[in-house]
C-alpha atoms as a PDB file:
ATOM      1  CA  UNK A   1      -2.725 -12.104 -26.819  1.00  0.00           C
ATOM      2  CA  UNK A   2      -0.060 -14.689 -27.528  1.00  0.00           C
ATOM      3  CA  UNK A   3       0.869 -17.525 -25.215  1.00  0.00           C
ATOM      4  CA  UNK A   4       4.380 -16.659 -24.111  1.00  0.00           C
ATOM      5  CA  UNK A   5       5.186 -20.207 -23.028  1.00  0.00           C
ATOM      6  CA  UNK A   6       3.962 -21.480 -26.398  1.00  0.00           C
ATOM      7  CA  UNK A   7       6.177 -19.030 -28.278  1.00  0.00           C
ATOM      8  CA  UNK A   8       9.251 -19.830 -26.169  1.00  0.00           C
ATOM      9  CA  UNK A   9       8.733 -23.534 -26.837  1.00  0.00           C
ATOM     10  CA  UNK A  10       8.071 -22.816 -30.517  1.00  0.00           C
ATOM     11  CA  UNK A  11      11.203 -20.719 -30.924  1.00  0.00           C
ATOM     12  CA  UNK A  12      13.465 -23.025 -28.936  1.00  0.00           C
ATOM     13  CA  UNK A  13      11.899 -26.149 -30.426  1.00  0.00           C
ATOM     14  CA  UNK A  14      12.659 -24.782 -33.880  1.00  0.00           C
ATOM     15  CA  UNK A  15      16.264 -24.337 -32.779  1.00  0.00           C
ATOM     16  CA  UNK A  16      16.449 -27.982 -31.728  1.00  0.00           C
ATOM     17  CA  UNK A  17      15.695 -29.121 -35.269  1.00  0.00           C
ATOM     18  CA  UNK A  18      18.432 -27.075 -36.872  1.00  0.00           C
ATOM     19  CA  UNK A  19      22.143 -27.601 -37.366  1.00  0.00           C
ATOM     20  CA  UNK A  20      24.044 -25.514 -34.844  1.00  0.00           C
ATOM     21  CA  UNK A  21      26.299 -22.747 -36.092  1.00  0.00           C
ATOM     22  CA  UNK A  22      28.682 -21.702 -33.328  1.00  0.00           C
ATOM     23  CA  UNK A  23      31.626 -20.089 -35.105  1.00  0.00           C
ATOM     24  CA  UNK A  24      33.202 -17.093 -33.414  1.00  0.00           C
ATOM     25  CA  UNK A  25      31.679 -14.802 -36.023  1.00  0.00           C
ATOM     26  CA  UNK A  26      28.220 -15.724 -34.772  1.00  0.00           C
ATOM     27  CA  UNK A  27      28.985 -14.492 -31.268  1.00  0.00           C
ATOM     28  CA  UNK A  28      29.352 -10.801 -32.118  1.00  0.00           C
ATOM     29  CA  UNK A  29      26.651  -8.163 -31.946  1.00  0.00           C
ATOM     30  CA  UNK A  30      24.351  -7.618 -34.925  1.00  0.00           C
ATOM     31  CA  UNK A  31      22.825  -4.659 -36.690  1.00  0.00           C
ATOM     32  CA  UNK A  32      19.099  -4.771 -37.489  1.00  0.00           C
ATOM     33  CA  UNK A  33      17.456  -3.040 -40.450  1.00  0.00           C
ATOM     34  CA  UNK A  34      13.697  -2.640 -40.852  1.00  0.00           C
ATOM     35  CA  UNK A  35      12.590  -1.298 -44.239  1.00  0.00           C
ATOM     36  CA  UNK A  36       8.970  -0.411 -44.994  1.00  0.00           C
ATOM     37  CA  UNK A  37       7.707  -3.010 -42.516  1.00  0.00           C
ATOM     38  CA  UNK A  38       3.942  -3.441 -42.400  1.00  0.00           C
ATOM     39  CA  UNK A  39       1.677  -6.029 -40.811  1.00  0.00           C
ATOM     40  CA  UNK A  40      -1.946  -6.668 -41.716  1.00  0.00           C
ATOM     41  CA  UNK A  41      -4.049  -9.299 -39.970  1.00  0.00           C
ATOM     42  CA  UNK A  42      -6.927 -10.834 -41.904  1.00  0.00           C
ATOM     43  CA  UNK A  43      -9.965 -11.527 -39.748  1.00  0.00           C
ATOM     44  CA  UNK A  44     -13.209 -13.357 -40.373  1.00  0.00           C
ATOM     45  CA  UNK A  45     -15.689 -12.158 -43.001  1.00  0.00           C
ATOM     46  CA  UNK A  46     -13.040 -10.346 -44.985  1.00  0.00           C
ATOM     47  CA  UNK A  47     -12.177  -7.887 -42.241  1.00  0.00           C
ATOM     48  CA  UNK A  48      -8.577  -6.716 -41.885  1.00  0.00           C
ATOM     49  CA  UNK A  49      -6.597  -4.894 -39.208  1.00  0.00           C
ATOM     50  CA  UNK A  50      -3.504  -2.899 -40.072  1.00  0.00           C
ATOM     51  CA  UNK A  51      -1.382  -3.376 -36.949  1.00  0.00           C
ATOM     52  CA  UNK A  52       1.917  -1.850 -38.119  1.00  0.00           C
ATOM     53  CA  UNK A  53       2.400   0.500 -41.045  1.00  0.00           C
ATOM     54  CA  UNK A  54       5.603   1.509 -42.818  1.00  0.00           C
ATOM     55  CA  UNK A  55       8.254   1.244 -40.118  1.00  0.00           C
ATOM     56  CA  UNK A  56      11.813   2.125 -41.122  1.00  0.00           C
ATOM     57  CA  UNK A  57      14.483   1.717 -38.440  1.00  0.00           C
ATOM     58  CA  UNK A  58      18.219   1.011 -38.335  1.00  0.00           C
ATOM     59  CA  UNK A  59      19.566  -0.463 -35.092  1.00  0.00           C
ATOM     60  CA  UNK A  60      23.329  -0.559 -34.604  1.00  0.00           C
ATOM     61  CA  UNK A  61      25.127  -3.618 -33.298  1.00  0.00           C
ATOM     62  CA  UNK A  62      25.207  -3.506 -29.501  1.00  0.00           C
ATOM     63  CA  UNK A  63      22.491  -0.843 -29.308  1.00  0.00           C
ATOM     64  CA  UNK A  64      19.621  -1.036 -26.796  1.00  0.00           C
ATOM     65  CA  UNK A  65      16.283   0.089 -28.275  1.00  0.00           C
ATOM     66  CA  UNK A  66      13.059   0.511 -26.300  1.00  0.00           C
ATOM     67  CA  UNK A  67       9.637   0.563 -27.974  1.00  0.00           C
ATOM     68  CA  UNK A  68       6.881   2.440 -26.150  1.00  0.00           C
ATOM     69  CA  UNK A  69       3.365   3.460 -27.137  1.00  0.00           C
ATOM     70  CA  UNK A  70      -0.293   3.061 -26.229  1.00  0.00           C
ATOM     71  CA  UNK A  71      -1.844  -0.389 -25.850  1.00  0.00           C
ATOM     72  CA  UNK A  72      -2.638  -1.963 -29.192  1.00  0.00           C
ATOM     73  CA  UNK A  73      -0.230   0.195 -31.194  1.00  0.00           C
ATOM     74  CA  UNK A  74       1.695  -2.774 -32.606  1.00  0.00           C
ATOM     75  CA  UNK A  75       4.781  -2.770 -30.348  1.00  0.00           C
ATOM     76  CA  UNK A  76       4.674  -6.487 -29.648  1.00  0.00           C
ATOM     77  CA  UNK A  77       3.687  -7.263 -33.241  1.00  0.00           C
ATOM     78  CA  UNK A  78       6.774  -5.419 -34.471  1.00  0.00           C
ATOM     79  CA  UNK A  79       8.914  -7.246 -31.913  1.00  0.00           C
ATOM     80  CA  UNK A  80       7.464 -10.618 -32.936  1.00  0.00           C
ATOM     81  CA  UNK A  81       8.365  -9.885 -36.564  1.00  0.00           C
ATOM     82  CA  UNK A  82      11.979  -9.175 -35.565  1.00  0.00           C
ATOM     83  CA  UNK A  83      11.938 -12.422 -33.563  1.00  0.00           C
ATOM     84  CA  UNK A  84      10.649 -14.415 -36.530  1.00  0.00           C
ATOM     85  CA  UNK A  85       7.362 -15.255 -34.795  1.00  0.00           C
ATOM     86  CA  UNK A  86       5.355 -13.209 -37.307  1.00  0.00           C
ATOM     87  CA  UNK A  87       6.015 -12.473 -40.985  1.00  0.00           C
ATOM     88  CA  UNK A  88       5.734  -8.912 -42.328  1.00  0.00           C
ATOM     89  CA  UNK A  89       2.918  -8.381 -44.807  1.00  0.00           C
ATOM     90  CA  UNK A  90       5.178  -5.905 -46.625  1.00  0.00           C
ATOM     91  CA  UNK A  91       8.763  -4.773 -46.293  1.00  0.00           C
ATOM     92  CA  UNK A  92      11.717  -6.663 -44.886  1.00  0.00           C
ATOM     93  CA  UNK A  93      13.710  -7.197 -41.730  1.00  0.00           C
ATOM     94  CA  UNK A  94      17.400  -8.060 -41.848  1.00  0.00           C
ATOM     95  CA  UNK A  95      19.641  -8.970 -38.924  1.00  0.00           C
ATOM     96  CA  UNK A  96      23.279  -8.720 -39.977  1.00  0.00           C
ATOM     97  CA  UNK A  97      22.050  -9.231 -43.529  1.00  0.00           C
ATOM     98  CA  UNK A  98      19.975 -12.316 -42.707  1.00  0.00           C
ATOM     99  CA  UNK A  99      16.265 -12.915 -42.198  1.00  0.00           C
ATOM    100  CA  UNK A 100      14.990 -13.556 -38.645  1.00  0.00           C
ATOM    101  CA  UNK A 101      14.329 -17.204 -39.514  1.00  0.00           C
ATOM    102  CA  UNK A 102      17.904 -17.635 -40.725  1.00  0.00           C
ATOM    103  CA  UNK A 103      19.095 -16.139 -37.430  1.00  0.00           C
ATOM    104  CA  UNK A 104      16.900 -18.544 -35.474  1.00  0.00           C
ATOM    105  CA  UNK A 105      18.522 -21.460 -37.277  1.00  0.00           C
ATOM    106  CA  UNK A 106      21.950 -20.167 -36.273  1.00  0.00           C
ATOM    107  CA  UNK A 107      21.128 -19.561 -32.590  1.00  0.00           C
ATOM    108  CA  UNK A 108      21.432 -15.784 -32.913  1.00  0.00           C
ATOM    109  CA  UNK A 109      18.235 -14.762 -31.114  1.00  0.00           C
ATOM    110  CA  UNK A 110      17.427 -14.858 -27.402  1.00  0.00           C
ATOM    111  CA  UNK A 111      13.932 -14.082 -26.131  1.00  0.00           C
ATOM    112  CA  UNK A 112      12.317 -13.319 -22.756  1.00  0.00           C
ATOM    113  CA  UNK A 113       8.691 -12.340 -22.297  1.00  0.00           C
ATOM    114  CA  UNK A 114       6.296 -11.081 -19.640  1.00  0.00           C
ATOM    115  CA  UNK A 115       5.338 -14.605 -18.662  1.00  0.00           C
ATOM    116  CA  UNK A 116       8.640 -16.202 -17.733  1.00  0.00           C
ATOM    117  CA  UNK A 117       7.831 -19.468 -19.529  1.00  0.00           C
ATOM    118  CA  UNK A 118       9.970 -21.543 -17.160  1.00  0.00           C
ATOM    119  CA  UNK A 119       9.352 -25.280 -17.074  1.00  0.00           C
ATOM    120  CA  UNK A 120       7.806 -25.837 -13.627  1.00  0.00           C
ATOM    121  CA  UNK A 121       9.341 -29.295 -13.201  1.00  0.00           C
ATOM    122  CA  UNK A 122      12.898 -28.069 -13.881  1.00  0.00           C
ATOM    123  CA  UNK A 123      15.239 -26.359 -11.439  1.00  0.00           C
ATOM    124  CA  UNK A 124      16.628 -22.892 -12.138  1.00  0.00           C
ATOM    125  CA  UNK A 125      19.862 -24.551 -13.305  1.00  0.00           C
ATOM    126  CA  UNK A 126      18.054 -26.906 -15.684  1.00  0.00           C
ATOM    127  CA  UNK A 127      15.837 -24.143 -17.059  1.00  0.00           C
ATOM    128  CA  UNK A 128      18.933 -22.160 -18.003  1.00  0.00           C
ATOM    129  CA  UNK A 129      20.512 -25.298 -19.485  1.00  0.00           C
ATOM    130  CA  UNK A 130      17.376 -26.044 -21.535  1.00  0.00           C
ATOM    131  CA  UNK A 131      18.414 -24.165 -24.728  1.00  0.00           C
ATOM    132  CA  UNK A 132      21.520 -26.355 -25.009  1.00  0.00           C
ATOM    133  CA  UNK A 133      19.419 -29.513 -24.798  1.00  0.00           C
ATOM    134  CA  UNK A 134      16.762 -28.266 -27.216  1.00  0.00           C
ATOM    135  CA  UNK A 135      19.491 -27.392 -29.702  1.00  0.00           C
ATOM    136  CA  UNK A 136      21.060 -30.832 -29.380  1.00  0.00           C
ATOM    137  CA  UNK A 137      24.205 -29.410 -27.799  1.00  0.00           C
ATOM    138  CA  UNK A 138      26.123 -30.673 -24.787  1.00  0.00           C
ATOM    139  CA  UNK A 139      25.279 -28.473 -21.824  1.00  0.00           C
ATOM    140  CA  UNK A 140      28.026 -25.947 -21.140  1.00  0.00           C
ATOM    141  CA  UNK A 141      28.147 -26.374 -17.365  1.00  0.00           C
ATOM    142  CA  UNK A 142      30.494 -23.442 -16.862  1.00  0.00           C
ATOM    143  CA  UNK A 143      28.217 -21.199 -18.915  1.00  0.00           C
ATOM    144  CA  UNK A 144      25.147 -22.143 -16.843  1.00  0.00           C
ATOM    145  CA  UNK A 145      27.006 -21.452 -13.590  1.00  0.00           C
ATOM    146  CA  UNK A 146      28.299 -18.183 -15.028  1.00  0.00           C
ATOM    147  CA  UNK A 147      24.773 -17.052 -15.871  1.00  0.00           C
ATOM    148  CA  UNK A 148      23.422 -18.074 -12.461  1.00  0.00           C
ATOM    149  CA  UNK A 149      26.125 -15.934 -10.893  1.00  0.00           C
ATOM    150  CA  UNK A 150      25.451 -13.096 -13.311  1.00  0.00           C
ATOM    151  CA  UNK A 151      21.784 -12.901 -12.293  1.00  0.00           C
ATOM    152  CA  UNK A 152      22.637 -13.394  -8.616  1.00  0.00           C
ATOM    153  CA  UNK A 153      20.974 -16.779  -8.152  1.00  0.00           C
ATOM    154  CA  UNK A 154      23.905 -19.071  -7.315  1.00  0.00           C
ATOM    155  CA  UNK A 155      22.208 -20.193  -4.122  1.00  0.00           C
ATOM    156  CA  UNK A 156      18.970 -21.017  -5.937  1.00  0.00           C
ATOM    157  CA  UNK A 157      20.393 -23.320  -8.619  1.00  0.00           C
ATOM    158  CA  UNK A 158      18.291 -26.260  -7.421  1.00  0.00           C
ATOM    159  CA  UNK A 159      15.114 -24.291  -6.718  1.00  0.00           C
ATOM    160  CA  UNK A 160      11.977 -24.959  -8.744  1.00  0.00           C
ATOM    161  CA  UNK A 161      10.108 -21.979 -10.241  1.00  0.00           C
ATOM    162  CA  UNK A 162       7.377 -22.259  -7.580  1.00  0.00           C
ATOM    163  CA  UNK A 163      10.068 -21.649  -4.957  1.00  0.00           C
ATOM    164  CA  UNK A 164      11.234 -18.403  -6.595  1.00  0.00           C
ATOM    165  CA  UNK A 165       9.812 -14.892  -6.392  1.00  0.00           C
ATOM    166  CA  UNK A 166       8.505 -13.153  -9.509  1.00  0.00           C
ATOM    167  CA  UNK A 167      11.718 -11.184  -9.910  1.00  0.00           C
ATOM    168  CA  UNK A 168      13.834 -14.310  -9.527  1.00  0.00           C
ATOM    169  CA  UNK A 169      11.797 -16.124 -12.198  1.00  0.00           C
ATOM    170  CA  UNK A 170      12.385 -13.283 -14.615  1.00  0.00           C
ATOM    171  CA  UNK A 171      16.106 -13.341 -13.881  1.00  0.00           C
ATOM    172  CA  UNK A 172      16.164 -17.057 -14.722  1.00  0.00           C
ATOM    173  CA  UNK A 173      14.221 -16.311 -17.916  1.00  0.00           C
ATOM    174  CA  UNK A 174      16.734 -13.650 -18.964  1.00  0.00           C
ATOM    175  CA  UNK A 175      19.648 -15.953 -18.117  1.00  0.00           C
ATOM    176  CA  UNK A 176      18.062 -18.663 -20.275  1.00  0.00           C
ATOM    177  CA  UNK A 177      17.691 -16.177 -23.140  1.00  0.00           C
ATOM    178  CA  UNK A 178      21.428 -15.455 -22.887  1.00  0.00           C
ATOM    179  CA  UNK A 179      22.520 -19.093 -22.602  1.00  0.00           C
ATOM    180  CA  UNK A 180      23.627 -19.552 -26.220  1.00  0.00           C
ATOM    181  CA  UNK A 181      25.218 -16.082 -26.360  1.00  0.00           C
ATOM    182  CA  UNK A 182      22.738 -14.638 -28.870  1.00  0.00           C
ATOM    183  CA  UNK A 183      23.585 -11.690 -31.067  1.00  0.00           C
ATOM    184  CA  UNK A 184      20.118 -10.193 -30.513  1.00  0.00           C
ATOM    185  CA  UNK A 185      18.083 -10.112 -27.299  1.00  0.00           C
ATOM    186  CA  UNK A 186      14.289  -9.739 -27.615  1.00  0.00           C
ATOM    187  CA  UNK A 187      12.454  -8.561 -24.473  1.00  0.00           C
ATOM    188  CA  UNK A 188       8.650  -8.259 -24.497  1.00  0.00           C
ATOM    189  CA  UNK A 189       7.488  -6.593 -21.252  1.00  0.00           C
ATOM    190  CA  UNK A 190       9.705  -8.901 -19.144  1.00  0.00           C
ATOM    191  CA  UNK A 191       8.896  -7.026 -15.917  1.00  0.00           C
ATOM    192  CA  UNK A 192       5.306  -6.046 -16.659  1.00  0.00           C
ATOM    193  CA  UNK A 193       3.799  -8.361 -14.045  1.00  0.00           C
ATOM    194  CA  UNK A 194       6.048  -7.181 -11.201  1.00  0.00           C
ATOM    195  CA  UNK A 195       5.232  -4.613  -8.544  1.00  0.00           C
ATOM    196  CA  UNK A 196       6.753  -1.145  -8.935  1.00  0.00           C
ATOM    197  CA  UNK A 197       9.573  -1.612  -6.415  1.00  0.00           C
ATOM    198  CA  UNK A 198      10.650  -5.011  -7.759  1.00  0.00           C
ATOM    199  CA  UNK A 199      10.393  -3.729 -11.305  1.00  0.00           C
ATOM    200  CA  UNK A 200      12.752  -0.858 -10.597  1.00  0.00           C
ATOM    201  CA  UNK A 201      15.253  -3.225  -8.986  1.00  0.00           C
ATOM    202  CA  UNK A 202      14.984  -5.567 -11.983  1.00  0.00           C
ATOM    203  CA  UNK A 203      15.637  -2.637 -14.330  1.00  0.00           C
ATOM    204  CA  UNK A 204      18.838  -2.025 -12.405  1.00  0.00           C
ATOM    205  CA  UNK A 205      19.747  -5.718 -12.628  1.00  0.00           C
ATOM    206  CA  UNK A 206      19.109  -5.861 -16.373  1.00  0.00           C
ATOM    207  CA  UNK A 207      21.201  -2.746 -16.934  1.00  0.00           C
ATOM    208  CA  UNK A 208      24.032  -4.331 -14.928  1.00  0.00           C
ATOM    209  CA  UNK A 209      23.788  -7.621 -16.828  1.00  0.00           C
ATOM    210  CA  UNK A 210      23.586  -5.923 -20.218  1.00  0.00           C
ATOM    211  CA  UNK A 211      26.548  -3.641 -19.422  1.00  0.00           C
ATOM    212  CA  UNK A 212      28.762  -6.672 -18.837  1.00  0.00           C
ATOM    213  CA  UNK A 213      28.394  -7.621 -22.504  1.00  0.00           C
ATOM    214  CA  UNK A 214      26.255  -5.228 -24.563  1.00  0.00           C
ATOM    215  CA  UNK A 215      24.028  -7.192 -26.914  1.00  0.00           C
ATOM    216  CA  UNK A 216      21.789  -5.725 -29.593  1.00  0.00           C
ATOM    217  CA  UNK A 217      18.532  -5.503 -27.651  1.00  0.00           C
ATOM    218  CA  UNK A 218      14.926  -4.550 -28.394  1.00  0.00           C
ATOM    219  CA  UNK A 219      12.632  -4.030 -25.408  1.00  0.00           C
ATOM    220  CA  UNK A 220       8.874  -3.493 -25.521  1.00  0.00           C
ATOM    221  CA  UNK A 221       7.584  -1.721 -22.420  1.00  0.00           C
ATOM    222  CA  UNK A 222       4.633   0.344 -21.234  1.00  0.00           C
ATOM    223  CA  UNK A 223       6.890   2.116 -18.718  1.00  0.00           C
ATOM    224  CA  UNK A 224       8.462   5.327 -19.992  1.00  0.00           C
ATOM    225  CA  UNK A 225      10.741   5.359 -16.940  1.00  0.00           C
ATOM    226  CA  UNK A 226      11.978   1.856 -17.755  1.00  0.00           C
ATOM    227  CA  UNK A 227      12.608   2.809 -21.382  1.00  0.00           C
ATOM    228  CA  UNK A 228      14.625   5.920 -20.485  1.00  0.00           C
ATOM    229  CA  UNK A 229      16.671   4.071 -17.875  1.00  0.00           C
ATOM    230  CA  UNK A 230      17.631   1.124 -20.093  1.00  0.00           C
ATOM    231  CA  UNK A 231      17.767   2.308 -23.687  1.00  0.00           C
ATOM    232  CA  UNK A 232      20.182   4.079 -26.006  1.00  0.00           C
ATOM    233  CA  UNK A 233      17.174   5.229 -28.041  1.00  0.00           C
ATOM    234  CA  UNK A 234      13.454   5.225 -27.246  1.00  0.00           C
ATOM    235  CA  UNK A 235      11.066   4.698 -30.160  1.00  0.00           C
ATOM    236  CA  UNK A 236       7.541   6.003 -29.615  1.00  0.00           C
ATOM    237  CA  UNK A 237       4.846   4.327 -31.712  1.00  0.00           C
ATOM    238  CA  UNK A 238       1.576   5.948 -32.644  1.00  0.00           C
ATOM    239  CA  UNK A 239      -1.814   4.287 -32.079  1.00  0.00           C
ATOM    240  CA  UNK A 240      -2.821   1.614 -34.590  1.00  0.00           C
ATOM    241  CA  UNK A 241      -1.690   1.304 -37.256  1.00  0.00           C
ATOM    242  CA  UNK A 242       1.615   1.645 -35.462  1.00  0.00           C
ATOM    243  CA  UNK A 243       4.188   4.004 -36.935  1.00  0.00           C
ATOM    244  CA  UNK A 244       7.313   5.551 -35.458  1.00  0.00           C
ATOM    245  CA  UNK A 245       6.105   8.909 -34.154  1.00  0.00           C
ATOM    246  CA  UNK A 246       9.375   9.829 -32.409  1.00  0.00           C
ATOM    247  CA  UNK A 247      12.867   8.371 -31.993  1.00  0.00           C
ATOM    248  CA  UNK A 248      14.581   9.943 -28.988  1.00  0.00           C
ATOM    249  CA  UNK A 249      18.308   9.426 -28.245  1.00  0.00           C
ATOM    250  CA  UNK A 250      19.055   8.780 -24.566  1.00  0.00           C
ATOM    251  CA  UNK A 251      22.356  10.418 -23.699  1.00  0.00           C
ATOM    252  CA  UNK A 252      22.598   9.285 -20.072  1.00  0.00           C
ATOM    253  CA  UNK A 253      26.057   7.945 -19.251  1.00  0.00           C
ATOM    254  CA  UNK A 254      26.568   4.256 -18.619  1.00  0.00           C
ATOM    255  CA  UNK A 255      26.728   2.376 -16.389  1.00  0.00           C
ATOM    256  CA  UNK A 256      23.459   3.629 -14.922  1.00  0.00           C
ATOM    257  CA  UNK A 257      22.207   3.090 -11.390  1.00  0.00           C
ATOM    258  CA  UNK A 258      19.067   3.832  -9.422  1.00  0.00           C
ATOM    259  CA  UNK A 259      20.647   7.190  -8.581  1.00  0.00           C
ATOM    260  CA  UNK A 260      20.542   8.007 -12.316  1.00  0.00           C
ATOM    261  CA  UNK A 261      16.762   8.281 -12.016  1.00  0.00           C
ATOM    262  CA  UNK A 262      17.179  11.206  -9.613  1.00  0.00           C
ATOM    263  CA  UNK A 263      19.212  13.356 -12.011  1.00  0.00           C
ATOM    264  CA  UNK A 264      17.794  16.382 -13.819  1.00  0.00           C
ATOM    265  CA  UNK A 265      18.754  14.914 -17.204  1.00  0.00           C
ATOM    266  CA  UNK A 266      16.777  11.737 -16.511  1.00  0.00           C
ATOM    267  CA  UNK A 267      13.738  13.672 -15.267  1.00  0.00           C
ATOM    268  CA  UNK A 268      13.808  15.960 -18.309  1.00  0.00           C
ATOM    269  CA  UNK A 269      13.921  13.019 -20.726  1.00  0.00           C
ATOM    270  CA  UNK A 270      11.143  11.295 -18.801  1.00  0.00           C
ATOM    271  CA  UNK A 271       8.961  14.411 -18.936  1.00  0.00           C
ATOM    272  CA  UNK A 272       9.605  14.931 -22.664  1.00  0.00           C
ATOM    273  CA  UNK A 273       8.725  11.369 -23.626  1.00  0.00           C
ATOM    274  CA  UNK A 274       5.715  11.219 -21.313  1.00  0.00           C
ATOM    275  CA  UNK A 275       4.377  14.412 -22.916  1.00  0.00           C
ATOM    276  CA  UNK A 276       5.011  12.994 -26.397  1.00  0.00           C
ATOM    277  CA  UNK A 277       3.181   9.779 -25.487  1.00  0.00           C
ATOM    278  CA  UNK A 278       0.230  11.760 -24.144  1.00  0.00           C
ATOM    279  CA  UNK A 279       0.152  13.819 -27.330  1.00  0.00           C
ATOM    280  CA  UNK A 280       0.033  10.864 -29.731  1.00  0.00           C
ATOM    281  CA  UNK A 281      -2.652   9.208 -27.613  1.00  0.00           C
ATOM    282  CA  UNK A 282      -4.865  12.309 -27.489  1.00  0.00           C
ATOM    283  CA  UNK A 283      -4.451  13.132 -31.165  1.00  0.00           C
ATOM    284  CA  UNK A 284      -5.355   9.638 -32.357  1.00  0.00           C
ATOM    285  CA  UNK A 285      -8.829   9.091 -33.861  1.00  0.00           C
ATOM    286  CA  UNK A 286     -11.118   6.690 -32.001  1.00  0.00           C
ATOM    287  CA  UNK A 287     -10.573   3.086 -33.079  1.00  0.00           C
END
């Protein structure tokens, strides 16, 4: 497993060493193209593990994609390749025609993970302001206040992470990921550590936040319900080596609310994808 705090620092630290590119053209949404993407990890004694195998996927600008699949199927590995934290062994990934690393240099990627990665000595306000400082930019005070309001934490601006609930910490993490107005938002199980009730409320919050300004988003989740509620398309990956076993369009109208989960359309989609997930798990050979 990766250290989420380490990767946040690595990604944002890399940003701080690059020249900032903030033209208006960099603030739009981006399309993502994955062509023949594979990932092989070389282990000790010449052993190898094929984590992801031949993934082809086109993601439209402003589209919300959810990746689901059994544990170990390569969901997070695929996400890390899009985020520039891993390099494909074969194939290519382009974001608006650029490589992930080129997008990192131009502040186009925002990332939030299961472990919030907040700096414990910084207030909520300063955690959200951190990307500006790491990138060598003056802090946009209005932007930080706007994001605090967007995630409903105006009254907790001066609170330290230890003074916030799990859901509040994740809201700060998502606000921080949005600070530099990225073209692509990368979410790796951001609510995985929360209890079921809080997680459902956070799904509703994320949907509300995303609807205000749709950003090209890729979410990895183990929750089929979460995927159906948030996404425009749900991509089901097969057991390792991970391939796309099914890509299901989600036709639920937006904006969505908790009441959406009670509709027949939602329940039918949930049942279909749950059955598909069960099928790929049961048909997979033992690893």
